Amino acid sequence: MATMQENTRSELLYRRQRVEAVLAAHAAPQFQELLNEIDLALERFEAGRYGLCEECGDPIEPDRLDADPLARLCLDHLTPSQARELEQDLDLAARVQRQLLPPRHVAAHGWDIAYHYEPLGAVSGDYCDVVHPSGADADPVFLFGDISGKGVAASMLMAHLHASVRTLVGLDLPVSQVVERANRVFCDSTMANHYATLVCGRLTRSGEVEICNAGHCAPLLAQDGHVTAVEATGVPIGLFCVSEFQATRHRMAHGDTLVLYTDGLTEACNVTGDEFGEGRLTALVAAHDSSTPDELISVIARHVAAFRGAVPRADDVTIMVIRRKSDRGEGER
């Protein structure tokens, strides 16, 4: 916690310098007001009161403070108009985020792709996308990841990552270079305590899949009843501005399936505190590897819900299933 606050203070000092530079060139009231707000936040750091509500002294909600490091009040002490504005902002953020998601089902060049996207609240820090870099005839690229944190701050960073990676994918780069450049952009444009796990993969007509996994949960590759984990080949993006990422290649036959998921699924807990875990997920995928993407997603979601029972979810949950289908029917390999 101390390190996160130190990072926030450093970021505020950096932003103060930038606002001062703007004021020197263009003296506008809104910039002076912003500078004053930053100074007040820095004063709260010096007094040891940063992150505490000015009304009740309780900690301000972490996701709100993450999204707005200048926040001074907890949710319970917002004025009615401030609460309405916050609710409207959340509704707008949720609508924007839904528009960033790909179609629920994508079929291209012998591949079937489906996903399940379930935010914990109004918005999510989970990330999934399917892109055709050079139009409908290009090999599709799938993107899947998880932003550190939850709520509005994570959703804002997800939108930022979405825009950055889509631009990089449009350059038709190898997936490892997409991740390397996304890492530099993320480092240069976010606060120091933020990072993201990311899987970037390209699906070819021949059945070869090129995957670069930057610190994300290992996708599961199901082939003839056997399931192999595609382990990470690099650290999460945003941790180090200069990092190299490697890609792995996998040959998928007709009927083979690739399952990607966020840790909100495997870390789901039951009433005794046990986690669903990778072992249960792997067993499910192995037992239902002949299912369509939609069927497999339904099986996984149903088993996780039954495992949790009355325990509420504690994180966003996203699942993506990619299946190589046969041109002459699903039963043929």
C-alpha atoms as a PDB file:
ATOM      1  CA  MET A   1       0.000   0.000   0.000  1.00  0.00           C
ATOM      2  CA  ALA A   2       2.808   2.398   0.867  1.00  0.00           C
ATOM      3  CA  THR A   3       4.477   1.773  -2.480  1.00  0.00           C
ATOM      4  CA  MET A   4       1.212   2.430  -4.359  1.00  0.00           C
ATOM      5  CA  GLN A   5       0.789   5.755  -2.527  1.00  0.00           C
ATOM      6  CA  GLU A   6       4.403   6.692  -3.296  1.00  0.00           C
ATOM      7  CA  ASN A   7       3.727   5.967  -6.975  1.00  0.00           C
ATOM      8  CA  THR A   8       0.566   8.070  -6.839  1.00  0.00           C
ATOM      9  CA  ARG A   9       2.437  10.963  -5.221  1.00  0.00           C
ATOM     10  CA  SER A  10       5.163  10.780  -7.871  1.00  0.00           C
ATOM     11  CA  GLU A  11       2.526  10.776 -10.591  1.00  0.00           C
ATOM     12  CA  LEU A  12       0.800  13.793  -9.068  1.00  0.00           C
ATOM     13  CA  LEU A  13       4.105  15.686  -8.947  1.00  0.00           C
ATOM     14  CA  TYR A  14       4.685  14.829 -12.604  1.00  0.00           C
ATOM     15  CA  ARG A  15       1.179  15.976 -13.529  1.00  0.00           C
ATOM     16  CA  ARG A  16       1.718  19.185 -11.574  1.00  0.00           C
ATOM     17  CA  GLN A  17       4.772  19.973 -13.696  1.00  0.00           C
ATOM     18  CA  ARG A  18       2.769  19.376 -16.868  1.00  0.00           C
ATOM     19  CA  VAL A  19      -0.112  21.601 -15.718  1.00  0.00           C
ATOM     20  CA  GLU A  20       2.337  24.354 -14.753  1.00  0.00           C
ATOM     21  CA  ALA A  21       3.867  24.173 -18.232  1.00  0.00           C
ATOM     22  CA  VAL A  22       0.426  24.546 -19.799  1.00  0.00           C
ATOM     23  CA  LEU A  23      -0.386  27.483 -17.505  1.00  0.00           C
ATOM     24  CA  ALA A  24       2.825  29.235 -18.506  1.00  0.00           C
ATOM     25  CA  ALA A  25       1.736  29.111 -22.133  1.00  0.00           C
ATOM     26  CA  HIS A  26      -1.992  29.608 -21.624  1.00  0.00           C
ATOM     27  CA  ALA A  27      -3.259  31.118 -18.366  1.00  0.00           C
ATOM     28  CA  ALA A  28      -6.799  29.726 -18.147  1.00  0.00           C
ATOM     29  CA  PRO A  29      -8.955  29.460 -14.987  1.00  0.00           C
ATOM     30  CA  GLN A  30      -9.642  25.738 -15.426  1.00  0.00           C
ATOM     31  CA  PHE A  31      -5.915  24.937 -15.461  1.00  0.00           C
ATOM     32  CA  GLN A  32      -5.301  27.033 -12.337  1.00  0.00           C
ATOM     33  CA  GLU A  33      -8.195  25.221 -10.624  1.00  0.00           C
ATOM     34  CA  LEU A  34      -6.696  21.856 -11.555  1.00  0.00           C
ATOM     35  CA  LEU A  35      -3.301  22.954 -10.208  1.00  0.00           C
ATOM     36  CA  ASN A  36      -4.945  23.948  -6.934  1.00  0.00           C
ATOM     37  CA  GLU A  37      -6.633  20.531  -6.667  1.00  0.00           C
ATOM     38  CA  ILE A  38      -3.291  18.779  -7.231  1.00  0.00           C
ATOM     39  CA  ASP A  39      -1.653  20.950  -4.547  1.00  0.00           C
ATOM     40  CA  LEU A  40      -4.413  20.047  -2.084  1.00  0.00           C
ATOM     41  CA  ALA A  41      -3.864  16.352  -2.812  1.00  0.00           C
ATOM     42  CA  LEU A  42      -0.125  16.758  -2.231  1.00  0.00           C
ATOM     43  CA  GLU A  43      -0.861  18.553   1.055  1.00  0.00           C
ATOM     44  CA  ARG A  44      -2.962  15.567   2.131  1.00  0.00           C
ATOM     45  CA  PHE A  45       0.046  13.356   1.442  1.00  0.00           C
ATOM     46  CA  GLU A  46       2.248  15.536   3.669  1.00  0.00           C
ATOM     47  CA  ALA A  47      -0.338  15.444   6.452  1.00  0.00           C
ATOM     48  CA  GLY A  48      -0.818  11.676   6.176  1.00  0.00           C
ATOM     49  CA  ARG A  49      -4.474  12.114   5.205  1.00  0.00           C
ATOM     50  CA  TYR A  50      -4.316  11.161   1.546  1.00  0.00           C
ATOM     51  CA  GLY A  51      -6.997   8.644   0.581  1.00  0.00           C
ATOM     52  CA  LEU A  52      -9.164   9.440   3.611  1.00  0.00           C
ATOM     53  CA  CYS A  53     -12.634  10.959   3.343  1.00  0.00           C
ATOM     54  CA  GLU A  54     -12.645  14.590   4.530  1.00  0.00           C
ATOM     55  CA  GLU A  55     -16.075  14.107   6.123  1.00  0.00           C
ATOM     56  CA  CYS A  56     -15.792  10.843   8.072  1.00  0.00           C
ATOM     57  CA  GLY A  57     -12.078   9.977   7.957  1.00  0.00           C
ATOM     58  CA  ASP A  58     -12.743   6.502   6.495  1.00  0.00           C
ATOM     59  CA  PRO A  59     -10.725   5.313   3.475  1.00  0.00           C
ATOM     60  CA  ILE A  60     -12.055   6.392   0.079  1.00  0.00           C
ATOM     61  CA  GLU A  61     -13.032   3.447  -2.115  1.00  0.00           C
ATOM     62  CA  PRO A  62      -9.796   2.214  -3.809  1.00  0.00           C
ATOM     63  CA  ASP A  63     -11.235   1.996  -7.322  1.00  0.00           C
ATOM     64  CA  ARG A  64     -12.557   5.572  -7.092  1.00  0.00           C
ATOM     65  CA  LEU A  65      -9.227   6.844  -5.801  1.00  0.00           C
ATOM     66  CA  ASP A  66      -7.488   4.890  -8.546  1.00  0.00           C
ATOM     67  CA  ALA A  67      -9.682   6.507 -11.192  1.00  0.00           C
ATOM     68  CA  ASP A  68      -9.484   9.970  -9.617  1.00  0.00           C
ATOM     69  CA  PRO A  69      -6.416  10.536  -7.388  1.00  0.00           C
ATOM     70  CA  LEU A  70      -7.868  13.950  -6.468  1.00  0.00           C
ATOM     71  CA  ALA A  71     -10.993  12.460  -4.818  1.00  0.00           C
ATOM     72  CA  ARG A  72     -11.655  13.793  -1.309  1.00  0.00           C
ATOM     73  CA  LEU A  73     -14.945  12.128  -0.289  1.00  0.00           C
ATOM     74  CA  CYS A  74     -16.101   8.524   0.060  1.00  0.00           C
ATOM     75  CA  LEU A  75     -19.329   7.406  -1.633  1.00  0.00           C
ATOM     76  CA  ASP A  76     -21.362   7.827   1.556  1.00  0.00           C
ATOM     77  CA  HIS A  77     -20.577  11.532   1.717  1.00  0.00           C
ATOM     78  CA  LEU A  78     -21.111  12.612  -1.862  1.00  0.00           C
ATOM     79  CA  THR A  79     -23.806  15.211  -2.305  1.00  0.00           C
ATOM     80  CA  PRO A  80     -26.993  14.053  -4.111  1.00  0.00           C
ATOM     81  CA  SER A  81     -25.905  15.848  -7.280  1.00  0.00           C
ATOM     82  CA  GLN A  82     -22.408  14.304  -7.091  1.00  0.00           C
ATOM     83  CA  ALA A  83     -23.952  10.850  -6.601  1.00  0.00           C
ATOM     84  CA  ARG A  84     -26.222  11.357  -9.637  1.00  0.00           C
ATOM     85  CA  GLU A  85     -23.262  12.497 -11.738  1.00  0.00           C
ATOM     86  CA  LEU A  86     -21.266   9.450 -10.662  1.00  0.00           C
ATOM     87  CA  GLU A  87     -24.155   7.120 -11.534  1.00  0.00           C
ATOM     88  CA  GLN A  88     -24.514   8.746 -14.952  1.00  0.00           C
ATOM     89  CA  ASP A  89     -20.785   8.432 -15.537  1.00  0.00           C
ATOM     90  CA  LEU A  90     -20.915   4.726 -14.651  1.00  0.00           C
ATOM     91  CA  ASP A  91     -23.843   4.136 -17.015  1.00  0.00           C
ATOM     92  CA  LEU A  92     -21.993   5.913 -19.807  1.00  0.00           C
ATOM     93  CA  ALA A  93     -18.775   3.971 -19.102  1.00  0.00           C
ATOM     94  CA  ALA A  94     -20.708   0.689 -19.201  1.00  0.00           C
ATOM     95  CA  ARG A  95     -22.280   1.569 -22.565  1.00  0.00           C
ATOM     96  CA  VAL A  96     -18.916   2.579 -24.016  1.00  0.00           C
ATOM     97  CA  GLN A  97     -17.310  -0.623 -22.779  1.00  0.00           C
ATOM     98  CA  ARG A  98     -20.026  -2.819 -24.290  1.00  0.00           C
ATOM     99  CA  GLN A  99     -19.451  -1.139 -27.641  1.00  0.00           C
ATOM    100  CA  LEU A 100     -15.744  -2.040 -27.482  1.00  0.00           C
ATOM    101  CA  LEU A 101     -16.475  -5.764 -27.292  1.00  0.00           C
ATOM    102  CA  PRO A 102     -16.352  -7.894 -30.455  1.00  0.00           C
ATOM    103  CA  PRO A 103     -19.431  -9.726 -31.806  1.00  0.00           C
ATOM    104  CA  ARG A 104     -20.506 -12.563 -29.505  1.00  0.00           C
ATOM    105  CA  HIS A 105     -19.702 -15.075 -32.232  1.00  0.00           C
ATOM    106  CA  VAL A 106     -16.975 -14.808 -34.838  1.00  0.00           C
ATOM    107  CA  ALA A 107     -16.543 -17.349 -37.662  1.00  0.00           C
ATOM    108  CA  ALA A 108     -13.591 -16.832 -40.001  1.00  0.00           C
ATOM    109  CA  HIS A 109     -11.369 -19.054 -42.147  1.00  0.00           C
ATOM    110  CA  GLY A 110     -12.362 -22.292 -40.418  1.00  0.00           C
ATOM    111  CA  TRP A 111     -12.357 -20.888 -36.864  1.00  0.00           C
ATOM    112  CA  ASP A 112     -15.287 -20.466 -34.478  1.00  0.00           C
ATOM    113  CA  ILE A 113     -14.888 -18.005 -31.607  1.00  0.00           C
ATOM    114  CA  ALA A 114     -17.287 -17.205 -28.765  1.00  0.00           C
ATOM    115  CA  TYR A 115     -16.893 -15.495 -25.396  1.00  0.00           C
ATOM    116  CA  HIS A 116     -18.618 -14.810 -22.084  1.00  0.00           C
ATOM    117  CA  TYR A 117     -18.038 -11.386 -20.467  1.00  0.00           C
ATOM    118  CA  GLU A 118     -19.350 -10.817 -16.936  1.00  0.00           C
ATOM    119  CA  PRO A 119     -18.261  -7.659 -15.091  1.00  0.00           C
ATOM    120  CA  LEU A 120     -18.379  -7.670 -11.310  1.00  0.00           C
ATOM    121  CA  GLY A 121     -20.010  -4.222 -11.325  1.00  0.00           C
ATOM    122  CA  ALA A 122     -21.095  -1.804 -14.023  1.00  0.00           C
ATOM    123  CA  VAL A 123     -17.733  -1.991 -15.793  1.00  0.00           C
ATOM    124  CA  SER A 124     -14.838  -4.425 -16.073  1.00  0.00           C
ATOM    125  CA  GLY A 125     -11.056  -4.492 -16.338  1.00  0.00           C
ATOM    126  CA  ASP A 126     -11.142  -7.694 -18.395  1.00  0.00           C
ATOM    127  CA  TYR A 127     -10.216  -7.380 -22.066  1.00  0.00           C
ATOM    128  CA  CYS A 128     -11.182  -9.482 -25.068  1.00  0.00           C
ATOM    129  CA  ASP A 129     -11.247  -8.698 -28.756  1.00  0.00           C
ATOM    130  CA  VAL A 130     -11.016 -10.269 -32.214  1.00  0.00           C
ATOM    131  CA  VAL A 131      -9.475  -8.215 -35.024  1.00  0.00           C
ATOM    132  CA  HIS A 132      -8.910  -8.718 -38.751  1.00  0.00           C
ATOM    133  CA  PRO A 133      -5.763  -6.599 -39.315  1.00  0.00           C
ATOM    134  CA  SER A 134      -6.210  -5.953 -43.029  1.00  0.00           C
ATOM    135  CA  GLY A 135      -9.902  -6.654 -43.550  1.00  0.00           C
ATOM    136  CA  ALA A 136     -12.107  -9.734 -43.651  1.00  0.00           C
ATOM    137  CA  ASP A 137      -9.610 -11.776 -45.708  1.00  0.00           C
ATOM    138  CA  ALA A 138      -6.787 -11.406 -43.169  1.00  0.00           C
ATOM    139  CA  ASP A 139      -5.988 -13.994 -40.503  1.00  0.00           C
ATOM    140  CA  PRO A 140      -7.911 -13.062 -37.350  1.00  0.00           C
ATOM    141  CA  VAL A 141      -6.011 -11.934 -34.255  1.00  0.00           C
ATOM    142  CA  PHE A 142      -7.471 -12.594 -30.820  1.00  0.00           C
ATOM    143  CA  LEU A 143      -6.651 -10.495 -27.761  1.00  0.00           C
ATOM    144  CA  PHE A 144      -7.385 -11.394 -24.179  1.00  0.00           C
ATOM    145  CA  GLY A 145      -6.244  -9.922 -20.891  1.00  0.00           C
ATOM    146  CA  ASP A 146      -6.876  -8.487 -17.457  1.00  0.00           C
ATOM    147  CA  ILE A 147      -6.072  -5.020 -16.108  1.00  0.00           C
ATOM    148  CA  SER A 148      -4.805  -4.704 -12.538  1.00  0.00           C
ATOM    149  CA  GLY A 149      -7.513  -3.440 -10.208  1.00  0.00           C
ATOM    150  CA  LYS A 150     -11.268  -3.298 -10.634  1.00  0.00           C
ATOM    151  CA  GLY A 151     -14.038  -0.860 -11.387  1.00  0.00           C
ATOM    152  CA  VAL A 152     -13.895   2.410 -13.283  1.00  0.00           C
ATOM    153  CA  ALA A 153     -10.119   2.838 -13.199  1.00  0.00           C
ATOM    154  CA  ALA A 154      -9.548  -0.638 -14.641  1.00  0.00           C
ATOM    155  CA  SER A 155     -12.228  -0.094 -17.295  1.00  0.00           C
ATOM    156  CA  MET A 156     -10.575   3.161 -18.385  1.00  0.00           C
ATOM    157  CA  LEU A 157      -7.258   1.388 -18.765  1.00  0.00           C
ATOM    158  CA  MET A 158      -8.976  -1.433 -20.636  1.00  0.00           C
ATOM    159  CA  ALA A 159     -10.344   1.093 -23.141  1.00  0.00           C
ATOM    160  CA  HIS A 160      -6.879   2.614 -23.483  1.00  0.00           C
ATOM    161  CA  LEU A 161      -5.319  -0.814 -24.055  1.00  0.00           C
ATOM    162  CA  HIS A 162      -8.051  -1.708 -26.541  1.00  0.00           C
ATOM    163  CA  ALA A 163      -7.335   1.369 -28.664  1.00  0.00           C
ATOM    164  CA  SER A 164      -3.554   0.951 -28.489  1.00  0.00           C
ATOM    165  CA  VAL A 165      -3.495  -2.743 -29.363  1.00  0.00           C
ATOM    166  CA  ARG A 166      -6.042  -2.389 -32.168  1.00  0.00           C
ATOM    167  CA  THR A 167      -3.796   0.230 -33.757  1.00  0.00           C
ATOM    168  CA  LEU A 168      -0.751  -2.032 -33.422  1.00  0.00           C
ATOM    169  CA  VAL A 169      -2.577  -5.069 -34.809  1.00  0.00           C
ATOM    170  CA  GLY A 170      -3.533  -2.959 -37.826  1.00  0.00           C
ATOM    171  CA  LEU A 171       0.173  -2.709 -38.676  1.00  0.00           C
ATOM    172  CA  ASP A 172       0.160  -6.490 -39.310  1.00  0.00           C
ATOM    173  CA  LEU A 173       3.118  -7.092 -36.976  1.00  0.00           C
ATOM    174  CA  PRO A 174       4.139 -10.451 -35.484  1.00  0.00           C
ATOM    175  CA  VAL A 175       2.227 -10.976 -32.242  1.00  0.00           C
ATOM    176  CA  SER A 176       5.386 -10.698 -30.123  1.00  0.00           C
ATOM    177  CA  GLN A 177       6.050  -7.221 -31.553  1.00  0.00           C
ATOM    178  CA  VAL A 178       2.435  -6.198 -30.952  1.00  0.00           C
ATOM    179  CA  VAL A 179       2.886  -7.057 -27.273  1.00  0.00           C
ATOM    180  CA  GLU A 180       6.310  -5.386 -27.049  1.00  0.00           C
ATOM    181  CA  ARG A 181       4.991  -2.123 -28.474  1.00  0.00           C
ATOM    182  CA  ALA A 182       1.815  -2.303 -26.386  1.00  0.00           C
ATOM    183  CA  ASN A 183       4.048  -2.649 -23.337  1.00  0.00           C
ATOM    184  CA  ARG A 184       5.958   0.530 -24.188  1.00  0.00           C
ATOM    185  CA  VAL A 185       2.739   2.487 -24.826  1.00  0.00           C
ATOM    186  CA  PHE A 186       1.195   1.227 -21.591  1.00  0.00           C
ATOM    187  CA  CYS A 187       4.313   2.130 -19.581  1.00  0.00           C
ATOM    188  CA  ASP A 188       4.530   5.606 -21.060  1.00  0.00           C
ATOM    189  CA  SER A 189       0.877   6.531 -20.591  1.00  0.00           C
ATOM    190  CA  THR A 190      -0.262   4.996 -17.281  1.00  0.00           C
ATOM    191  CA  MET A 191       0.613   5.394 -13.625  1.00  0.00           C
ATOM    192  CA  ALA A 192       3.434   3.269 -12.264  1.00  0.00           C
ATOM    193  CA  ASN A 193       1.232   0.953 -10.184  1.00  0.00           C
ATOM    194  CA  HIS A 194      -0.813  -0.243 -13.166  1.00  0.00           C
ATOM    195  CA  TYR A 195      -0.112  -3.256 -15.343  1.00  0.00           C
ATOM    196  CA  ALA A 196      -2.019  -5.730 -17.491  1.00  0.00           C
ATOM    197  CA  THR A 197      -1.746  -9.360 -18.446  1.00  0.00           C
ATOM    198  CA  LEU A 198      -2.243  -9.928 -22.154  1.00  0.00           C
ATOM    199  CA  VAL A 199      -2.519 -12.810 -24.622  1.00  0.00           C
ATOM    200  CA  CYS A 200      -2.177 -11.954 -28.302  1.00  0.00           C
ATOM    201  CA  GLY A 201      -2.638 -14.709 -30.877  1.00  0.00           C
ATOM    202  CA  ARG A 202      -2.977 -15.098 -34.634  1.00  0.00           C
ATOM    203  CA  LEU A 203      -5.098 -17.847 -36.235  1.00  0.00           C
ATOM    204  CA  THR A 204      -3.984 -19.044 -39.688  1.00  0.00           C
ATOM    205  CA  ARG A 205      -5.936 -20.918 -42.338  1.00  0.00           C
ATOM    206  CA  SER A 206      -3.503 -23.843 -42.048  1.00  0.00           C
ATOM    207  CA  GLY A 207      -4.390 -24.365 -38.386  1.00  0.00           C
ATOM    208  CA  GLU A 208      -1.227 -22.881 -36.901  1.00  0.00           C
ATOM    209  CA  VAL A 209      -1.755 -20.574 -33.912  1.00  0.00           C
ATOM    210  CA  GLU A 210       0.920 -18.082 -32.900  1.00  0.00           C
ATOM    211  CA  ILE A 211       0.534 -17.018 -29.256  1.00  0.00           C
ATOM    212  CA  CYS A 212       2.343 -14.454 -27.116  1.00  0.00           C
ATOM    213  CA  ASN A 213       1.344 -14.661 -23.465  1.00  0.00           C
ATOM    214  CA  ALA A 214       2.432 -11.716 -21.310  1.00  0.00           C
ATOM    215  CA  GLY A 215       1.843 -12.938 -17.776  1.00  0.00           C
ATOM    216  CA  HIS A 216      -1.756 -14.096 -18.233  1.00  0.00           C
ATOM    217  CA  CYS A 217      -3.401 -17.284 -16.943  1.00  0.00           C
ATOM    218  CA  ALA A 218      -2.217 -20.131 -19.178  1.00  0.00           C
ATOM    219  CA  PRO A 219      -4.736 -20.783 -21.993  1.00  0.00           C
ATOM    220  CA  LEU A 220      -5.790 -24.435 -22.284  1.00  0.00           C
ATOM    221  CA  LEU A 221      -5.270 -26.255 -25.588  1.00  0.00           C
ATOM    222  CA  ALA A 222      -7.527 -29.329 -25.880  1.00  0.00           C
ATOM    223  CA  GLN A 223      -6.551 -31.964 -28.465  1.00  0.00           C
ATOM    224  CA  ASP A 224      -8.018 -35.494 -28.561  1.00  0.00           C
ATOM    225  CA  GLY A 225      -8.975 -35.415 -24.885  1.00  0.00           C
ATOM    226  CA  HIS A 226      -5.567 -34.125 -23.768  1.00  0.00           C
ATOM    227  CA  VAL A 227      -5.224 -30.599 -22.404  1.00  0.00           C
ATOM    228  CA  THR A 228      -1.985 -28.592 -22.519  1.00  0.00           C
ATOM    229  CA  ALA A 229      -1.426 -25.269 -20.765  1.00  0.00           C
ATOM    230  CA  VAL A 230       0.119 -22.525 -22.916  1.00  0.00           C
ATOM    231  CA  GLU A 231       2.342 -20.896 -20.299  1.00  0.00           C
ATOM    232  CA  ALA A 232       3.381 -17.249 -20.243  1.00  0.00           C
ATOM    233  CA  THR A 233       6.477 -16.283 -22.208  1.00  0.00           C
ATOM    234  CA  GLY A 234       6.849 -12.827 -20.654  1.00  0.00           C
ATOM    235  CA  VAL A 235       5.876 -10.618 -17.725  1.00  0.00           C
ATOM    236  CA  PRO A 236       2.656  -8.537 -17.651  1.00  0.00           C
ATOM    237  CA  ILE A 237       2.829  -5.375 -19.712  1.00  0.00           C
ATOM    238  CA  GLY A 238       3.414  -2.143 -17.834  1.00  0.00           C
ATOM    239  CA  LEU A 239       5.804  -3.623 -15.262  1.00  0.00           C
ATOM    240  CA  PHE A 240       8.983  -2.820 -17.189  1.00  0.00           C
ATOM    241  CA  CYS A 241       9.131  -0.395 -20.073  1.00  0.00           C
ATOM    242  CA  VAL A 242      11.817  -2.404 -21.846  1.00  0.00           C
ATOM    243  CA  SER A 243      10.873  -6.079 -22.061  1.00  0.00           C
ATOM    244  CA  GLU A 244      11.169  -8.758 -24.715  1.00  0.00           C
ATOM    245  CA  PHE A 245       8.297 -11.106 -25.436  1.00  0.00           C
ATOM    246  CA  GLN A 246       8.411 -14.429 -27.227  1.00  0.00           C
ATOM    247  CA  ALA A 247       5.698 -16.202 -29.181  1.00  0.00           C
ATOM    248  CA  THR A 248       4.986 -19.923 -29.299  1.00  0.00           C
ATOM    249  CA  ARG A 249       3.408 -21.815 -32.202  1.00  0.00           C
ATOM    250  CA  HIS A 250       0.859 -24.568 -31.951  1.00  0.00           C
ATOM    251  CA  ARG A 251      -0.750 -26.752 -34.619  1.00  0.00           C
ATOM    252  CA  MET A 252      -4.489 -27.201 -34.151  1.00  0.00           C
ATOM    253  CA  ALA A 253      -6.318 -29.959 -36.019  1.00  0.00           C
ATOM    254  CA  HIS A 254     -10.002 -29.822 -36.915  1.00  0.00           C
ATOM    255  CA  GLY A 255     -11.998 -30.017 -33.681  1.00  0.00           C
ATOM    256  CA  ASP A 256      -9.177 -28.801 -31.424  1.00  0.00           C
ATOM    257  CA  THR A 257     -10.137 -26.118 -28.904  1.00  0.00           C
ATOM    258  CA  LEU A 258      -8.337 -23.263 -27.156  1.00  0.00           C
ATOM    259  CA  VAL A 259      -9.815 -21.878 -23.923  1.00  0.00           C
ATOM    260  CA  LEU A 260      -8.811 -18.513 -22.449  1.00  0.00           C
ATOM    261  CA  TYR A 261     -10.043 -17.213 -19.108  1.00  0.00           C
ATOM    262  CA  THR A 262      -9.387 -14.560 -16.481  1.00  0.00           C
ATOM    263  CA  ASP A 263      -8.454 -15.342 -12.886  1.00  0.00           C
ATOM    264  CA  GLY A 264     -11.919 -14.350 -11.700  1.00  0.00           C
ATOM    265  CA  LEU A 265     -12.958 -17.803 -12.887  1.00  0.00           C
ATOM    266  CA  THR A 266     -10.272 -19.997 -11.321  1.00  0.00           C
ATOM    267  CA  GLU A 267     -10.153 -17.920  -8.122  1.00  0.00           C
ATOM    268  CA  ALA A 268     -13.908 -18.207  -7.524  1.00  0.00           C
ATOM    269  CA  CYS A 269     -14.408 -19.505  -3.965  1.00  0.00           C
ATOM    270  CA  ASN A 270     -17.026 -21.725  -2.332  1.00  0.00           C
ATOM    271  CA  VAL A 271     -18.398 -21.506   1.227  1.00  0.00           C
ATOM    272  CA  THR A 272     -15.324 -23.265   2.679  1.00  0.00           C
ATOM    273  CA  GLY A 273     -12.922 -20.830   0.974  1.00  0.00           C
ATOM    274  CA  ASP A 274     -11.639 -23.336  -1.607  1.00  0.00           C
ATOM    275  CA  GLU A 275     -10.900 -21.979  -5.080  1.00  0.00           C
ATOM    276  CA  PHE A 276     -12.355 -23.487  -8.248  1.00  0.00           C
ATOM    277  CA  GLY A 277      -8.794 -23.733  -9.535  1.00  0.00           C
ATOM    278  CA  GLU A 278      -7.077 -24.670 -12.768  1.00  0.00           C
ATOM    279  CA  GLY A 279      -7.410 -28.402 -12.075  1.00  0.00           C
ATOM    280  CA  ARG A 280     -11.212 -28.380 -12.157  1.00  0.00           C
ATOM    281  CA  LEU A 281     -11.220 -26.164 -15.241  1.00  0.00           C
ATOM    282  CA  THR A 282      -8.740 -28.435 -17.048  1.00  0.00           C
ATOM    283  CA  ALA A 283     -10.847 -31.506 -16.238  1.00  0.00           C
ATOM    284  CA  LEU A 284     -13.976 -29.793 -17.571  1.00  0.00           C
ATOM    285  CA  VAL A 285     -12.275 -28.786 -20.809  1.00  0.00           C
ATOM    286  CA  ALA A 286     -10.916 -32.320 -21.315  1.00  0.00           C
ATOM    287  CA  ALA A 287     -14.345 -33.878 -20.711  1.00  0.00           C
ATOM    288  CA  HIS A 288     -16.142 -31.514 -23.116  1.00  0.00           C
ATOM    289  CA  ASP A 289     -13.518 -30.856 -25.777  1.00  0.00           C
ATOM    290  CA  SER A 290     -15.906 -31.938 -28.549  1.00  0.00           C
ATOM    291  CA  SER A 291     -18.434 -29.249 -27.589  1.00  0.00           C
ATOM    292  CA  THR A 292     -19.023 -26.109 -29.603  1.00  0.00           C
ATOM    293  CA  PRO A 293     -17.607 -22.878 -28.140  1.00  0.00           C
ATOM    294  CA  ASP A 294     -21.038 -21.828 -26.863  1.00  0.00           C
ATOM    295  CA  GLU A 295     -21.675 -25.219 -25.288  1.00  0.00           C
ATOM    296  CA  LEU A 296     -18.293 -25.312 -23.570  1.00  0.00           C
ATOM    297  CA  ILE A 297     -18.748 -21.778 -22.193  1.00  0.00           C
ATOM    298  CA  SER A 298     -22.161 -22.772 -20.807  1.00  0.00           C
ATOM    299  CA  VAL A 299     -20.701 -25.890 -19.167  1.00  0.00           C
ATOM    300  CA  ILE A 300     -17.891 -23.919 -17.525  1.00  0.00           C
ATOM    301  CA  ALA A 301     -20.169 -21.105 -16.317  1.00  0.00           C
ATOM    302  CA  ARG A 302     -22.684 -23.603 -14.905  1.00  0.00           C
ATOM    303  CA  HIS A 303     -20.034 -25.593 -13.009  1.00  0.00           C
ATOM    304  CA  VAL A 304     -18.408 -22.468 -11.557  1.00  0.00           C
ATOM    305  CA  ALA A 305     -21.795 -21.134 -10.399  1.00  0.00           C
ATOM    306  CA  ALA A 306     -22.610 -24.489  -8.777  1.00  0.00           C
ATOM    307  CA  PHE A 307     -19.188 -24.544  -7.090  1.00  0.00           C
ATOM    308  CA  ARG A 308     -19.644 -21.044  -5.626  1.00  0.00           C
ATOM    309  CA  GLY A 309     -23.124 -21.750  -4.385  1.00  0.00           C
ATOM    310  CA  ALA A 310     -24.298 -18.822  -2.268  1.00  0.00           C
ATOM    311  CA  VAL A 311     -20.894 -17.102  -2.294  1.00  0.00           C
ATOM    312  CA  PRO A 312     -21.044 -13.934  -4.432  1.00  0.00           C
ATOM    313  CA  ARG A 313     -18.516 -13.291  -7.169  1.00  0.00           C
ATOM    314  CA  ALA A 314     -15.490 -11.256  -6.140  1.00  0.00           C
ATOM    315  CA  ASP A 315     -14.030 -10.430  -9.569  1.00  0.00           C
ATOM    316  CA  ASP A 316     -14.818  -9.964 -13.242  1.00  0.00           C
ATOM    317  CA  VAL A 317     -15.104 -13.225 -15.210  1.00  0.00           C
ATOM    318  CA  THR A 318     -14.353 -13.585 -18.907  1.00  0.00           C
ATOM    319  CA  ILE A 319     -14.035 -16.759 -21.003  1.00  0.00           C
ATOM    320  CA  MET A 320     -13.118 -17.057 -24.689  1.00  0.00           C
ATOM    321  CA  VAL A 321     -13.288 -20.350 -26.588  1.00  0.00           C
ATOM    322  CA  ILE A 322     -11.657 -20.766 -30.001  1.00  0.00           C
ATOM    323  CA  ARG A 323     -12.344 -23.942 -31.990  1.00  0.00           C
ATOM    324  CA  ARG A 324     -10.981 -25.058 -35.316  1.00  0.00           C
ATOM    325  CA  LYS A 325     -13.871 -26.546 -37.195  1.00  0.00           C
ATOM    326  CA  SER A 326     -13.839 -28.953 -40.110  1.00  0.00           C
ATOM    327  CA  ASP A 327     -14.900 -27.724 -43.513  1.00  0.00           C
ATOM    328  CA  ARG A 328     -16.891 -30.934 -43.888  1.00  0.00           C
ATOM    329  CA  GLY A 329     -18.456 -31.227 -40.472  1.00  0.00           C
ATOM    330  CA  GLU A 330     -17.549 -31.119 -36.831  1.00  0.00           C
ATOM    331  CA  GLY A 331     -17.130 -34.859 -36.517  1.00  0.00           C
ATOM    332  CA  GLU A 332     -14.135 -34.993 -38.834  1.00  0.00           C
ATOM    333  CA  ARG A 333     -10.531 -34.435 -37.787  1.00  0.00           C
END
